[in-house]
């Protein structure tokens, strides 16, 4: 639940860790055109009582649930749209400086075949890599794309 994510985020911050907070919508939520509503709710609840200073140590990952382990991925434009919305939501909750400083990753089946395009987007600061990290050559290609 978002309450659990919030508690774990606060605990990780208190322990000096840098938590990655994942947000994302289910396929039916995307199809019903409520992605922004879902993401805004998750961010508000997941970051409840996280200060601007603490936010500097939080990474937010957009991980559409429909893309996890399915081989499906958001298009680069879809990822950019949601990551830009996340940044705008952070600006509303905190301020523009906090929004500009927060790291936003894309985590929905990024791989060696789509990393270049995804990482070329303005609001995609990096990738949360899962299965694609299991083959060294493919992971190296993603790292190379990220270093451009």
N, C-alpha and C. Protein backbone atom coordinates (compact mmCIF):
# COMPACT_ATOMS: atom_id res chain seq x y z
N UNK A 1 0.84 -1.19 0.00
CA UNK A 1 0.00 0.00 0.00
C UNK A 1 0.88 1.25 0.00
N UNK A 2 0.30 2.37 -0.33
CA UNK A 2 1.05 3.62 -0.30
C UNK A 2 1.50 3.96 1.12
N UNK A 3 0.69 3.59 2.10
CA UNK A 3 1.08 3.83 3.50
C UNK A 3 2.35 3.05 3.84
N UNK A 4 2.43 1.82 3.37
CA UNK A 4 3.62 1.00 3.60
C UNK A 4 4.83 1.59 2.89
N UNK A 5 4.64 2.03 1.65
CA UNK A 5 5.74 2.66 0.90
C UNK A 5 6.24 3.88 1.65
N UNK A 6 5.32 4.68 2.17
CA UNK A 6 5.71 5.88 2.92
C UNK A 6 6.51 5.52 4.16
N UNK A 7 6.03 4.54 4.92
CA UNK A 7 6.74 4.13 6.14
C UNK A 7 8.13 3.61 5.81
N UNK A 8 8.24 2.83 4.75
CA UNK A 8 9.55 2.27 4.37
C UNK A 8 10.47 3.36 3.83
N UNK A 9 9.91 4.31 3.12
CA UNK A 9 10.71 5.43 2.62
C UNK A 9 11.27 6.24 3.78
N UNK A 10 10.40 6.56 4.73
CA UNK A 10 10.85 7.32 5.91
C UNK A 10 11.90 6.54 6.70
N UNK A 11 11.70 5.23 6.86
CA UNK A 11 12.66 4.40 7.60
C UNK A 11 14.00 4.35 6.86
N UNK A 12 13.96 4.21 5.55
CA UNK A 12 15.20 4.17 4.76
C UNK A 12 15.95 5.48 4.89
N UNK A 13 15.24 6.58 4.80
CA UNK A 13 15.88 7.90 4.95
C UNK A 13 16.49 8.05 6.33
N UNK A 14 15.76 7.63 7.36
CA UNK A 14 16.26 7.72 8.74
C UNK A 14 17.52 6.88 8.94
N UNK A 15 17.64 5.80 8.16
CA UNK A 15 18.81 4.92 8.26
C UNK A 15 19.96 5.39 7.37
N UNK A 16 19.76 6.52 6.68
CA UNK A 16 20.82 7.04 5.82
C UNK A 16 20.87 6.41 4.45
N UNK A 17 19.82 5.70 4.08
CA UNK A 17 19.75 5.07 2.76
C UNK A 17 19.10 6.01 1.75
N UNK A 18 19.25 5.69 0.48
CA UNK A 18 18.66 6.47 -0.60
C UNK A 18 17.57 5.61 -1.26
N UNK A 19 16.33 5.73 -0.80
CA UNK A 19 15.28 4.86 -1.33
C UNK A 19 14.88 5.20 -2.76
N UNK A 20 14.47 4.17 -3.48
CA UNK A 20 13.87 4.34 -4.80
C UNK A 20 12.38 4.07 -4.63
N UNK A 21 11.58 5.09 -4.86
CA UNK A 21 10.13 4.99 -4.72
C UNK A 21 9.54 4.77 -6.11
N UNK A 22 8.94 3.61 -6.31
CA UNK A 22 8.36 3.27 -7.61
C UNK A 22 6.88 3.64 -7.64
N UNK A 23 6.49 4.28 -8.73
CA UNK A 23 5.09 4.62 -8.96
C UNK A 23 4.72 4.13 -10.35
N UNK A 24 3.47 3.76 -10.53
CA UNK A 24 3.04 3.31 -11.84
C UNK A 24 1.61 2.81 -11.82
N UNK A 25 1.05 2.79 -13.01
CA UNK A 25 -0.36 2.44 -13.15
C UNK A 25 -0.54 1.03 -13.71
N UNK A 26 -1.69 0.47 -13.44
CA UNK A 26 -2.10 -0.81 -14.03
C UNK A 26 -2.56 -0.56 -15.47
N UNK A 27 -2.61 -1.61 -16.27
CA UNK A 27 -3.01 -1.46 -17.67
C UNK A 27 -4.41 -0.85 -17.78
N UNK A 28 -5.36 -1.30 -16.96
CA UNK A 28 -6.72 -0.77 -17.07
C UNK A 28 -6.77 0.71 -16.69
N UNK A 29 -5.89 1.14 -15.79
CA UNK A 29 -5.85 2.55 -15.42
C UNK A 29 -5.34 3.40 -16.58
N UNK A 30 -4.35 2.89 -17.31
CA UNK A 30 -3.86 3.59 -18.51
C UNK A 30 -4.97 3.64 -19.55
N UNK A 31 -5.62 2.52 -19.77
CA UNK A 31 -6.68 2.45 -20.78
C UNK A 31 -7.87 3.34 -20.43
N UNK A 32 -8.11 3.58 -19.13
CA UNK A 32 -9.19 4.48 -18.69
C UNK A 32 -8.73 5.93 -18.61
N UNK A 33 -7.49 6.19 -19.02
CA UNK A 33 -6.94 7.54 -19.07
C UNK A 33 -6.90 8.21 -17.69
N UNK A 34 -6.53 7.41 -16.66
CA UNK A 34 -6.41 7.98 -15.31
C UNK A 34 -4.98 7.84 -14.78
N UNK A 35 -4.02 7.68 -15.70
CA UNK A 35 -2.62 7.53 -15.28
C UNK A 35 -2.18 8.67 -14.39
N UNK A 36 -2.45 9.91 -14.79
CA UNK A 36 -1.99 11.06 -14.00
C UNK A 36 -2.62 11.08 -12.62
N UNK A 37 -3.89 10.76 -12.54
CA UNK A 37 -4.58 10.72 -11.24
C UNK A 37 -3.94 9.68 -10.32
N UNK A 38 -3.65 8.51 -10.87
CA UNK A 38 -3.04 7.42 -10.10
C UNK A 38 -1.64 7.82 -9.63
N UNK A 39 -0.84 8.36 -10.54
CA UNK A 39 0.54 8.74 -10.22
C UNK A 39 0.56 9.86 -9.18
N UNK A 40 -0.30 10.86 -9.34
CA UNK A 40 -0.35 11.98 -8.38
C UNK A 40 -0.71 11.47 -6.99
N UNK A 41 -1.69 10.58 -6.91
CA UNK A 41 -2.08 10.02 -5.61
C UNK A 41 -0.92 9.26 -4.98
N UNK A 42 -0.25 8.43 -5.77
CA UNK A 42 0.87 7.65 -5.25
C UNK A 42 1.98 8.57 -4.72
N UNK A 43 2.34 9.58 -5.48
CA UNK A 43 3.42 10.48 -5.05
C UNK A 43 3.04 11.21 -3.77
N UNK A 44 1.82 11.74 -3.72
CA UNK A 44 1.38 12.46 -2.52
C UNK A 44 1.42 11.58 -1.28
N UNK A 45 0.95 10.35 -1.41
CA UNK A 45 0.91 9.44 -0.26
C UNK A 45 2.28 8.84 0.05
N UNK A 46 3.02 8.46 -0.98
CA UNK A 46 4.33 7.84 -0.76
C UNK A 46 5.33 8.82 -0.15
N UNK A 47 5.20 10.10 -0.47
CA UNK A 47 6.14 11.11 0.03
C UNK A 47 5.55 11.95 1.17
N UNK A 48 4.45 11.50 1.75
CA UNK A 48 3.82 12.23 2.85
C UNK A 48 4.83 12.45 3.98
N UNK A 49 4.96 13.69 4.40
CA UNK A 49 5.90 14.08 5.47
C UNK A 49 7.37 13.86 5.14
N UNK A 50 7.70 13.69 3.86
CA UNK A 50 9.09 13.69 3.43
C UNK A 50 9.45 15.14 3.16
N UNK A 51 10.45 15.65 3.84
CA UNK A 51 10.82 17.06 3.70
C UNK A 51 11.55 17.29 2.38
N UNK A 52 11.64 18.55 2.00
CA UNK A 52 12.39 18.89 0.79
C UNK A 52 13.85 18.45 0.92
N UNK A 53 14.41 18.61 2.09
CA UNK A 53 15.79 18.17 2.32
C UNK A 53 15.91 16.66 2.16
N UNK A 54 14.95 15.90 2.70
CA UNK A 54 14.96 14.44 2.56
C UNK A 54 14.75 14.02 1.11
N UNK A 55 13.93 14.79 0.39
CA UNK A 55 13.63 14.46 -1.00
C UNK A 55 14.90 14.40 -1.85
N UNK A 56 15.92 15.15 -1.46
CA UNK A 56 17.19 15.14 -2.20
C UNK A 56 17.82 13.75 -2.22
N UNK A 57 17.42 12.90 -1.28
CA UNK A 57 17.97 11.54 -1.19
C UNK A 57 16.99 10.47 -1.66
N UNK A 58 15.93 10.89 -2.32
CA UNK A 58 14.93 9.95 -2.84
C UNK A 58 15.02 9.92 -4.37
N UNK A 59 14.98 8.73 -4.93
CA UNK A 59 14.88 8.55 -6.38
C UNK A 59 13.45 8.09 -6.65
N UNK A 60 12.82 8.67 -7.65
CA UNK A 60 11.47 8.24 -8.04
C UNK A 60 11.59 7.48 -9.36
N UNK A 61 11.02 6.30 -9.41
CA UNK A 61 11.04 5.51 -10.64
C UNK A 61 9.61 5.34 -11.15
N UNK A 62 9.42 5.70 -12.42
CA UNK A 62 8.14 5.42 -13.07
C UNK A 62 8.23 4.00 -13.61
N UNK A 63 7.43 3.13 -13.02
CA UNK A 63 7.43 1.72 -13.41
C UNK A 63 6.00 1.28 -13.67
N UNK A 64 5.53 1.45 -14.92
CA UNK A 64 4.16 1.04 -15.21
C UNK A 64 3.99 -0.44 -14.90
N UNK A 65 3.02 -0.76 -14.08
CA UNK A 65 2.83 -2.13 -13.62
C UNK A 65 2.62 -3.07 -14.80
N UNK A 66 1.97 -2.58 -15.84
CA UNK A 66 1.69 -3.41 -17.01
C UNK A 66 2.95 -3.76 -17.80
N UNK A 67 4.08 -3.13 -17.48
CA UNK A 67 5.32 -3.40 -18.21
C UNK A 67 6.30 -4.27 -17.42
N UNK A 68 5.99 -4.59 -16.18
CA UNK A 68 6.93 -5.33 -15.34
C UNK A 68 6.95 -6.80 -15.75
N UNK A 69 8.10 -7.23 -16.24
CA UNK A 69 8.30 -8.63 -16.58
C UNK A 69 7.45 -9.14 -17.73
N UNK A 70 6.81 -8.24 -18.47
CA UNK A 70 5.94 -8.67 -19.56
C UNK A 70 6.61 -8.53 -20.91
N UNK A 71 7.75 -7.82 -20.93
CA UNK A 71 8.39 -7.52 -22.20
C UNK A 71 7.76 -6.32 -22.88
N UNK A 72 6.63 -5.86 -22.35
CA UNK A 72 6.00 -4.64 -22.87
C UNK A 72 6.70 -3.46 -22.23
N UNK A 73 6.77 -2.38 -22.95
CA UNK A 73 7.37 -1.17 -22.39
C UNK A 73 6.59 0.03 -22.88
N UNK A 74 6.59 1.07 -22.09
CA UNK A 74 5.99 2.32 -22.55
C UNK A 74 6.85 2.84 -23.70
N UNK A 75 6.25 3.53 -24.63
CA UNK A 75 7.06 4.19 -25.65
C UNK A 75 7.88 5.27 -24.96
N UNK A 76 8.92 5.71 -25.63
CA UNK A 76 9.75 6.77 -25.05
C UNK A 76 8.91 8.02 -24.79
N UNK A 77 7.97 8.30 -25.69
CA UNK A 77 7.12 9.48 -25.49
C UNK A 77 6.17 9.30 -24.30
N UNK A 78 5.64 8.09 -24.11
CA UNK A 78 4.79 7.83 -22.95
C UNK A 78 5.59 7.96 -21.66
N UNK A 79 6.80 7.42 -21.65
CA UNK A 79 7.65 7.52 -20.46
C UNK A 79 7.97 8.97 -20.16
N UNK A 80 8.30 9.73 -21.19
CA UNK A 80 8.62 11.16 -21.00
C UNK A 80 7.42 11.91 -20.46
N UNK A 81 6.24 11.61 -20.99
CA UNK A 81 5.02 12.29 -20.55
C UNK A 81 4.77 12.06 -19.06
N UNK A 82 4.89 10.82 -18.61
CA UNK A 82 4.63 10.52 -17.20
C UNK A 82 5.76 11.05 -16.32
N UNK A 83 7.01 10.93 -16.76
CA UNK A 83 8.12 11.46 -15.96
C UNK A 83 8.02 12.98 -15.83
N UNK A 84 7.59 13.66 -16.89
CA UNK A 84 7.38 15.11 -16.82
C UNK A 84 6.24 15.42 -15.84
N UNK A 85 5.20 14.60 -15.85
CA UNK A 85 4.09 14.79 -14.91
C UNK A 85 4.57 14.58 -13.47
N UNK A 86 5.42 13.60 -13.25
CA UNK A 86 5.98 13.37 -11.92
C UNK A 86 6.74 14.61 -11.47
N UNK A 87 7.56 15.16 -12.35
CA UNK A 87 8.35 16.35 -12.01
C UNK A 87 7.42 17.53 -11.70
N UNK A 88 6.36 17.68 -12.48
CA UNK A 88 5.40 18.77 -12.24
C UNK A 88 4.67 18.57 -10.90
N UNK A 89 4.37 17.33 -10.56
CA UNK A 89 3.72 17.03 -9.29
C UNK A 89 4.64 17.36 -8.12
N UNK A 90 5.92 17.04 -8.25
CA UNK A 90 6.90 17.39 -7.22
C UNK A 90 6.98 18.91 -7.08
N UNK A 91 6.92 19.63 -8.19
CA UNK A 91 6.95 21.10 -8.14
C UNK A 91 5.75 21.64 -7.38
N UNK A 92 4.58 21.04 -7.57
CA UNK A 92 3.38 21.47 -6.85
C UNK A 92 3.46 21.15 -5.36
N UNK A 93 3.99 19.98 -5.04
CA UNK A 93 4.07 19.56 -3.63
C UNK A 93 5.19 20.27 -2.88
N UNK A 94 6.27 20.57 -3.56
CA UNK A 94 7.44 21.19 -2.93
C UNK A 94 7.69 22.54 -3.58
N UNK A 95 8.50 22.57 -4.63
CA UNK A 95 8.78 23.78 -5.40
C UNK A 95 9.54 23.37 -6.65
N UNK A 96 9.78 24.33 -7.54
CA UNK A 96 10.43 24.01 -8.81
C UNK A 96 11.87 23.54 -8.62
N UNK A 97 12.57 24.13 -7.65
CA UNK A 97 13.96 23.71 -7.40
C UNK A 97 14.01 22.24 -6.99
N UNK A 98 13.09 21.82 -6.14
CA UNK A 98 13.03 20.42 -5.73
C UNK A 98 12.70 19.52 -6.92
N UNK A 99 11.80 19.98 -7.76
CA UNK A 99 11.41 19.20 -8.95
C UNK A 99 12.58 19.06 -9.91
N UNK A 100 13.34 20.14 -10.08
CA UNK A 100 14.49 20.10 -10.98
C UNK A 100 15.58 19.19 -10.44
N UNK A 101 15.69 19.09 -9.12
CA UNK A 101 16.77 18.33 -8.50
C UNK A 101 16.46 16.84 -8.35
N UNK A 102 15.19 16.47 -8.29
CA UNK A 102 14.84 15.07 -8.04
C UNK A 102 15.25 14.19 -9.23
N UNK A 103 15.73 13.00 -8.92
CA UNK A 103 16.09 12.03 -9.96
C UNK A 103 14.88 11.16 -10.26
N UNK A 104 14.53 11.11 -11.55
CA UNK A 104 13.39 10.31 -12.00
C UNK A 104 13.90 9.28 -13.00
N UNK A 105 13.65 8.02 -12.70
CA UNK A 105 14.08 6.93 -13.56
C UNK A 105 12.87 6.29 -14.24
N UNK A 106 13.15 5.58 -15.34
CA UNK A 106 12.12 4.77 -15.97
C UNK A 106 12.45 3.31 -15.68
N UNK A 107 11.48 2.55 -15.23
CA UNK A 107 11.75 1.17 -14.85
C UNK A 107 10.86 0.13 -15.49
N UNK A 108 10.22 0.42 -16.58
CA UNK A 108 9.31 -0.54 -17.18
C UNK A 108 9.92 -1.31 -18.34
N UNK A 109 10.72 -2.31 -18.04
CA UNK A 109 11.35 -3.15 -19.06
C UNK A 109 12.30 -2.38 -19.97
N UNK A 110 13.14 -1.53 -19.38
CA UNK A 110 14.20 -0.90 -20.16
C UNK A 110 15.21 -1.98 -20.51
N UNK A 111 15.68 -1.95 -21.76
CA UNK A 111 16.64 -2.96 -22.21
C UNK A 111 17.61 -2.35 -23.21
N UNK A 112 18.52 -3.17 -23.71
CA UNK A 112 19.53 -2.67 -24.64
C UNK A 112 18.92 -2.17 -25.94
N UNK A 113 17.72 -2.60 -26.27
CA UNK A 113 17.08 -2.18 -27.51
C UNK A 113 16.33 -0.86 -27.41
N UNK A 114 15.95 -0.44 -26.21
CA UNK A 114 15.17 0.79 -26.08
C UNK A 114 15.82 1.84 -25.18
N UNK A 115 16.94 1.50 -24.56
CA UNK A 115 17.58 2.42 -23.60
C UNK A 115 17.98 3.74 -24.24
N UNK A 116 18.57 3.70 -25.44
CA UNK A 116 19.00 4.94 -26.10
C UNK A 116 17.85 5.93 -26.21
N UNK A 117 16.72 5.46 -26.74
CA UNK A 117 15.58 6.36 -26.96
C UNK A 117 14.98 6.83 -25.64
N UNK A 118 14.81 5.92 -24.69
CA UNK A 118 14.24 6.31 -23.40
C UNK A 118 15.12 7.32 -22.67
N UNK A 119 16.43 7.06 -22.66
CA UNK A 119 17.35 7.93 -21.92
C UNK A 119 17.62 9.26 -22.63
N UNK A 120 17.17 9.39 -23.87
CA UNK A 120 17.33 10.66 -24.59
C UNK A 120 16.26 11.67 -24.17
N UNK A 121 15.26 11.23 -23.44
CA UNK A 121 14.16 12.10 -23.05
C UNK A 121 14.56 13.01 -21.88
N UNK A 122 14.10 14.24 -21.93
CA UNK A 122 14.47 15.28 -20.97
C UNK A 122 14.20 14.90 -19.52
N UNK A 123 13.07 14.29 -19.24
CA UNK A 123 12.68 14.02 -17.86
C UNK A 123 12.98 12.60 -17.39
N UNK A 124 13.65 11.81 -18.22
CA UNK A 124 14.08 10.47 -17.84
C UNK A 124 15.56 10.57 -17.48
N UNK A 125 15.84 10.56 -16.17
CA UNK A 125 17.21 10.76 -15.69
C UNK A 125 18.02 9.47 -15.63
N UNK A 126 17.37 8.34 -15.75
CA UNK A 126 18.08 7.07 -15.67
C UNK A 126 17.10 5.92 -15.76
N UNK A 127 17.63 4.72 -15.57
CA UNK A 127 16.80 3.53 -15.67
C UNK A 127 16.89 2.66 -14.43
N UNK A 128 15.78 2.06 -14.07
CA UNK A 128 15.73 1.06 -13.01
C UNK A 128 15.68 -0.28 -13.74
N UNK A 129 16.83 -0.93 -13.80
CA UNK A 129 16.99 -2.10 -14.67
C UNK A 129 16.73 -3.38 -13.89
N UNK A 130 15.90 -4.22 -14.45
CA UNK A 130 15.60 -5.51 -13.83
C UNK A 130 16.24 -6.64 -14.61
N UNK A 131 15.41 -7.39 -15.33
CA UNK A 131 15.88 -8.57 -16.06
C UNK A 131 16.98 -8.29 -17.06
N UNK A 132 17.00 -7.10 -17.63
CA UNK A 132 18.03 -6.76 -18.62
C UNK A 132 19.42 -6.67 -18.01
N UNK A 133 19.51 -6.68 -16.70
CA UNK A 133 20.83 -6.61 -16.05
C UNK A 133 21.45 -8.00 -15.87
N UNK A 134 20.73 -9.04 -16.23
CA UNK A 134 21.21 -10.40 -16.00
C UNK A 134 22.20 -10.89 -17.05
N UNK A 135 22.23 -10.24 -18.22
CA UNK A 135 23.18 -10.60 -19.27
C UNK A 135 24.16 -9.43 -19.40
N UNK A 136 25.41 -9.71 -19.07
CA UNK A 136 26.42 -8.65 -18.97
C UNK A 136 26.51 -7.78 -20.22
N UNK A 137 26.50 -8.37 -21.39
CA UNK A 137 26.65 -7.60 -22.63
C UNK A 137 25.47 -6.65 -22.83
N UNK A 138 24.28 -7.14 -22.52
CA UNK A 138 23.09 -6.30 -22.68
C UNK A 138 23.07 -5.18 -21.65
N UNK A 139 23.47 -5.51 -20.43
CA UNK A 139 23.53 -4.49 -19.39
C UNK A 139 24.59 -3.44 -19.74
N UNK A 140 25.72 -3.88 -20.28
CA UNK A 140 26.78 -2.95 -20.68
C UNK A 140 26.27 -1.97 -21.74
N UNK A 141 25.41 -2.46 -22.65
CA UNK A 141 24.84 -1.58 -23.68
C UNK A 141 23.94 -0.51 -23.05
N UNK A 142 23.21 -0.88 -22.01
CA UNK A 142 22.36 0.09 -21.31
C UNK A 142 23.22 1.12 -20.59
N UNK A 143 24.27 0.65 -19.93
CA UNK A 143 25.19 1.57 -19.24
C UNK A 143 25.82 2.53 -20.24
N UNK A 144 26.19 2.03 -21.41
CA UNK A 144 26.77 2.89 -22.45
C UNK A 144 25.75 3.94 -22.89
N UNK A 145 24.51 3.54 -23.07
CA UNK A 145 23.46 4.48 -23.46
C UNK A 145 23.27 5.55 -22.39
N UNK A 146 23.36 5.15 -21.13
CA UNK A 146 23.17 6.09 -20.02
C UNK A 146 24.32 7.08 -19.90
N UNK A 147 25.48 6.71 -20.40
CA UNK A 147 26.65 7.59 -20.25
C UNK A 147 26.75 8.62 -21.36
N UNK A 148 25.84 8.59 -22.33
CA UNK A 148 25.88 9.55 -23.44
C UNK A 148 25.42 10.91 -23.00
